[in-house]
Amino acid sequence: MKDSWISVRERRPSLPDAPVCNIFVLACNEGDKKSRPMVYARQVRKGRTEEVWLTARAEATYNIPDYWQPMPKPPKRYKTETGSDTYD
């Protein structure tokens, strides 16, 4: 499956149906040469529910990305005939 970037203006990441939750995504801005991990979260502050972008260290940021995509799935680990580990 080919990775494709999704415009934040078109669609934000889908969060679980819970009052407080978050998901990790890859994010970048127009013209960036590198992507970065970010957290998209729903939180309650002062009695108000809000959806926010956070750095991967869960710090609030005003640097909202232009594009995002789901985090890639980790490789599967297998044991070879000799007993050593190999990855997909």
N, C-alpha and C. Protein backbone atom coordinates (compact mmCIF):
# COMPACT_ATOMS: atom_id res chain seq x y z
N MET A 1 0.84 -1.19 0.00
CA MET A 1 0.00 0.00 0.00
C MET A 1 0.88 1.24 0.00
N LYS A 2 0.59 2.16 -0.88
CA LYS A 2 1.37 3.39 -1.01
C LYS A 2 0.95 4.38 0.07
N ASP A 3 1.96 4.98 0.72
CA ASP A 3 1.67 6.01 1.72
C ASP A 3 1.23 7.27 1.01
N SER A 4 0.21 7.92 1.54
CA SER A 4 -0.22 9.18 0.95
C SER A 4 -0.49 10.19 2.06
N TRP A 5 -0.12 11.40 1.80
CA TRP A 5 -0.30 12.48 2.77
C TRP A 5 -1.72 13.02 2.65
N ILE A 6 -2.31 13.36 3.78
CA ILE A 6 -3.67 13.88 3.86
C ILE A 6 -3.58 15.33 4.32
N SER A 7 -4.25 16.21 3.61
CA SER A 7 -4.25 17.62 3.99
C SER A 7 -5.06 17.81 5.27
N VAL A 8 -4.50 18.55 6.23
CA VAL A 8 -5.20 18.85 7.48
C VAL A 8 -6.45 19.68 7.18
N ARG A 9 -6.40 20.49 6.13
CA ARG A 9 -7.57 21.29 5.76
C ARG A 9 -8.72 20.42 5.27
N GLU A 10 -8.39 19.29 4.64
CA GLU A 10 -9.42 18.39 4.13
C GLU A 10 -9.97 17.47 5.21
N ARG A 11 -9.07 16.93 6.04
CA ARG A 11 -9.51 15.96 7.04
C ARG A 11 -8.48 15.84 8.15
N ARG A 12 -8.97 15.85 9.36
CA ARG A 12 -8.09 15.63 10.52
C ARG A 12 -8.13 14.15 10.88
N PRO A 13 -7.15 13.67 11.63
CA PRO A 13 -7.16 12.26 12.03
C PRO A 13 -8.42 11.92 12.81
N SER A 14 -8.90 10.69 12.65
CA SER A 14 -10.07 10.21 13.39
C SER A 14 -9.64 9.74 14.77
N LEU A 15 -10.32 10.23 15.77
CA LEU A 15 -10.04 9.83 17.15
C LEU A 15 -11.08 8.83 17.63
N PRO A 16 -10.70 7.97 18.59
CA PRO A 16 -11.68 7.05 19.17
C PRO A 16 -12.81 7.83 19.84
N ASP A 17 -13.94 7.18 20.03
CA ASP A 17 -15.09 7.82 20.66
C ASP A 17 -14.90 7.81 22.18
N ALA A 18 -14.10 8.74 22.65
CA ALA A 18 -13.83 8.87 24.09
C ALA A 18 -13.59 10.34 24.39
N PRO A 19 -13.92 10.79 25.59
CA PRO A 19 -13.74 12.21 25.90
C PRO A 19 -12.28 12.65 25.93
N VAL A 20 -11.38 11.74 26.30
CA VAL A 20 -9.95 12.03 26.32
C VAL A 20 -9.24 10.89 25.60
N CYS A 21 -8.52 11.21 24.52
CA CYS A 21 -7.83 10.18 23.75
C CYS A 21 -6.80 10.85 22.85
N ASN A 22 -5.95 10.02 22.23
CA ASN A 22 -4.96 10.56 21.30
C ASN A 22 -4.48 9.48 20.36
N ILE A 23 -3.88 9.91 19.25
CA ILE A 23 -3.24 9.00 18.32
C ILE A 23 -1.94 9.64 17.83
N PHE A 24 -0.98 8.78 17.53
CA PHE A 24 0.28 9.24 16.94
C PHE A 24 0.15 9.22 15.43
N VAL A 25 0.68 10.25 14.76
CA VAL A 25 0.69 10.33 13.30
C VAL A 25 2.04 10.88 12.85
N LEU A 26 2.33 10.73 11.57
CA LEU A 26 3.45 11.43 10.96
C LEU A 26 2.90 12.73 10.41
N ALA A 27 3.65 13.80 10.52
CA ALA A 27 3.17 15.10 10.07
C ALA A 27 4.29 15.87 9.39
N CYS A 28 3.89 16.79 8.51
CA CYS A 28 4.87 17.67 7.87
C CYS A 28 4.17 18.94 7.44
N ASN A 29 4.96 19.95 7.14
CA ASN A 29 4.45 21.20 6.61
C ASN A 29 4.87 21.35 5.17
N GLU A 30 4.15 22.15 4.44
CA GLU A 30 4.45 22.42 3.02
C GLU A 30 5.91 22.85 2.90
N GLY A 31 6.64 22.18 2.05
CA GLY A 31 8.03 22.52 1.82
C GLY A 31 9.03 21.85 2.74
N ASP A 32 8.54 21.13 3.77
CA ASP A 32 9.46 20.41 4.66
C ASP A 32 10.12 19.27 3.91
N LYS A 33 11.36 18.99 4.24
CA LYS A 33 12.06 17.86 3.64
C LYS A 33 11.96 16.62 4.51
N LYS A 34 11.49 16.78 5.76
CA LYS A 34 11.38 15.66 6.68
C LYS A 34 10.01 15.69 7.36
N SER A 35 9.52 14.51 7.70
CA SER A 35 8.30 14.42 8.50
C SER A 35 8.69 14.27 9.96
N ARG A 36 7.72 14.43 10.85
CA ARG A 36 7.99 14.30 12.27
C ARG A 36 6.79 13.62 12.94
N PRO A 37 7.03 12.87 14.01
CA PRO A 37 5.90 12.29 14.73
C PRO A 37 5.18 13.37 15.52
N MET A 38 3.86 13.29 15.54
CA MET A 38 3.05 14.22 16.33
C MET A 38 1.90 13.44 16.95
N VAL A 39 1.25 14.07 17.91
CA VAL A 39 0.09 13.50 18.57
C VAL A 39 -1.10 14.39 18.25
N TYR A 40 -2.21 13.77 17.82
CA TYR A 40 -3.46 14.50 17.67
C TYR A 40 -4.33 14.03 18.83
N ALA A 41 -4.82 14.95 19.65
CA ALA A 41 -5.48 14.56 20.90
C ALA A 41 -6.78 15.30 21.13
N ARG A 42 -7.66 14.63 21.84
CA ARG A 42 -8.87 15.27 22.37
C ARG A 42 -8.65 15.35 23.88
N GLN A 43 -8.81 16.54 24.41
CA GLN A 43 -8.59 16.73 25.84
C GLN A 43 -9.64 17.68 26.39
N VAL A 44 -9.76 17.69 27.69
CA VAL A 44 -10.70 18.58 28.37
C VAL A 44 -9.88 19.56 29.20
N ARG A 45 -10.06 20.84 28.90
CA ARG A 45 -9.36 21.90 29.64
C ARG A 45 -10.37 22.92 30.10
N LYS A 46 -10.37 23.16 31.39
CA LYS A 46 -11.29 24.14 31.99
C LYS A 46 -12.74 23.85 31.59
N GLY A 47 -13.09 22.56 31.58
CA GLY A 47 -14.46 22.16 31.28
C GLY A 47 -14.83 22.14 29.81
N ARG A 48 -13.89 22.47 28.92
CA ARG A 48 -14.16 22.48 27.48
C ARG A 48 -13.39 21.37 26.80
N THR A 49 -14.04 20.66 25.90
CA THR A 49 -13.37 19.63 25.12
C THR A 49 -12.78 20.28 23.88
N GLU A 50 -11.51 19.96 23.60
CA GLU A 50 -10.85 20.53 22.42
C GLU A 50 -9.96 19.47 21.79
N GLU A 51 -9.75 19.61 20.50
CA GLU A 51 -8.83 18.75 19.77
C GLU A 51 -7.60 19.58 19.44
N VAL A 52 -6.42 19.03 19.77
CA VAL A 52 -5.18 19.79 19.64
C VAL A 52 -4.08 18.94 19.02
N TRP A 53 -3.09 19.61 18.45
CA TRP A 53 -1.87 18.98 17.97
C TRP A 53 -0.81 19.14 19.04
N LEU A 54 -0.09 18.05 19.33
CA LEU A 54 0.97 18.07 20.32
C LEU A 54 2.25 17.53 19.69
N THR A 55 3.38 17.91 20.25
CA THR A 55 4.63 17.31 19.79
C THR A 55 4.64 15.85 20.25
N ALA A 56 5.58 15.07 19.77
CA ALA A 56 5.66 13.67 20.17
C ALA A 56 5.92 13.52 21.67
N ARG A 57 6.39 14.58 22.31
CA ARG A 57 6.60 14.56 23.77
C ARG A 57 5.39 15.08 24.52
N ALA A 58 4.27 15.18 23.83
CA ALA A 58 2.99 15.62 24.41
C ALA A 58 3.05 17.07 24.89
N GLU A 59 3.82 17.91 24.20
CA GLU A 59 3.87 19.33 24.51
C GLU A 59 2.99 20.07 23.51
N ALA A 60 2.22 21.02 23.98
CA ALA A 60 1.35 21.78 23.10
C ALA A 60 2.18 22.55 22.08
N THR A 61 1.67 22.63 20.86
CA THR A 61 2.38 23.36 19.82
C THR A 61 1.38 24.17 19.00
N TYR A 62 1.82 25.31 18.55
CA TYR A 62 0.99 26.12 17.65
C TYR A 62 1.40 25.88 16.20
N ASN A 63 2.40 25.04 16.00
CA ASN A 63 2.88 24.70 14.66
C ASN A 63 2.02 23.56 14.10
N ILE A 64 0.81 23.89 13.69
CA ILE A 64 -0.11 22.89 13.16
C ILE A 64 0.41 22.44 11.80
N PRO A 65 0.48 21.12 11.59
CA PRO A 65 1.02 20.64 10.31
C PRO A 65 0.05 20.90 9.16
N ASP A 66 0.60 20.89 7.95
CA ASP A 66 -0.23 21.01 6.75
C ASP A 66 -0.74 19.65 6.30
N TYR A 67 0.07 18.60 6.54
CA TYR A 67 -0.26 17.25 6.08
C TYR A 67 0.03 16.24 7.18
N TRP A 68 -0.67 15.11 7.15
CA TRP A 68 -0.45 14.03 8.10
C TRP A 68 -0.72 12.70 7.40
N GLN A 69 -0.25 11.63 8.03
CA GLN A 69 -0.57 10.27 7.60
C GLN A 69 -0.44 9.36 8.81
N PRO A 70 -1.15 8.22 8.79
CA PRO A 70 -1.03 7.29 9.92
C PRO A 70 0.40 6.79 10.07
N MET A 71 0.75 6.44 11.28
CA MET A 71 2.08 5.87 11.54
C MET A 71 2.17 4.52 10.82
N PRO A 72 3.33 4.20 10.28
CA PRO A 72 3.48 2.90 9.62
C PRO A 72 3.43 1.77 10.65
N LYS A 73 3.00 0.60 10.20
CA LYS A 73 2.97 -0.56 11.08
C LYS A 73 4.39 -1.07 11.27
N PRO A 74 4.72 -1.52 12.47
CA PRO A 74 6.07 -2.04 12.70
C PRO A 74 6.28 -3.34 11.93
N PRO A 75 7.53 -3.66 11.62
CA PRO A 75 7.79 -4.90 10.89
C PRO A 75 7.49 -6.12 11.76
N LYS A 76 7.14 -7.24 11.10
CA LYS A 76 6.90 -8.47 11.83
C LYS A 76 8.22 -9.17 12.06
N ARG A 77 8.34 -9.79 13.21
CA ARG A 77 9.57 -10.48 13.60
C ARG A 77 9.37 -11.98 13.45
N TYR A 78 10.32 -12.62 12.80
CA TYR A 78 10.26 -14.06 12.59
C TYR A 78 11.55 -14.71 13.07
N LYS A 79 11.45 -15.97 13.46
CA LYS A 79 12.64 -16.76 13.77
C LYS A 79 13.04 -17.53 12.53
N THR A 80 14.32 -17.49 12.18
CA THR A 80 14.81 -18.25 11.04
C THR A 80 15.10 -19.68 11.48
N GLU A 81 15.44 -20.52 10.53
CA GLU A 81 15.76 -21.92 10.85
C GLU A 81 16.96 -22.02 11.78
N THR A 82 17.86 -21.07 11.73
CA THR A 82 19.05 -21.09 12.60
C THR A 82 18.76 -20.48 13.96
N GLY A 83 17.56 -19.96 14.17
CA GLY A 83 17.19 -19.40 15.46
C GLY A 83 17.40 -17.91 15.59
N SER A 84 17.96 -17.26 14.57
CA SER A 84 18.16 -15.81 14.64
C SER A 84 16.89 -15.09 14.21
N ASP A 85 16.78 -13.81 14.60
CA ASP A 85 15.59 -13.01 14.27
C ASP A 85 15.75 -12.39 12.90
N THR A 86 14.65 -12.28 12.18
CA THR A 86 14.62 -11.55 10.92
C THR A 86 13.31 -10.75 10.89
N TYR A 87 13.27 -9.71 10.09
CA TYR A 87 12.12 -8.82 10.04
C TYR A 87 11.63 -8.67 8.61
N ASP A 88 10.31 -8.48 8.48
CA ASP A 88 9.69 -8.17 7.18
C ASP A 88 10.10 -6.81 6.74
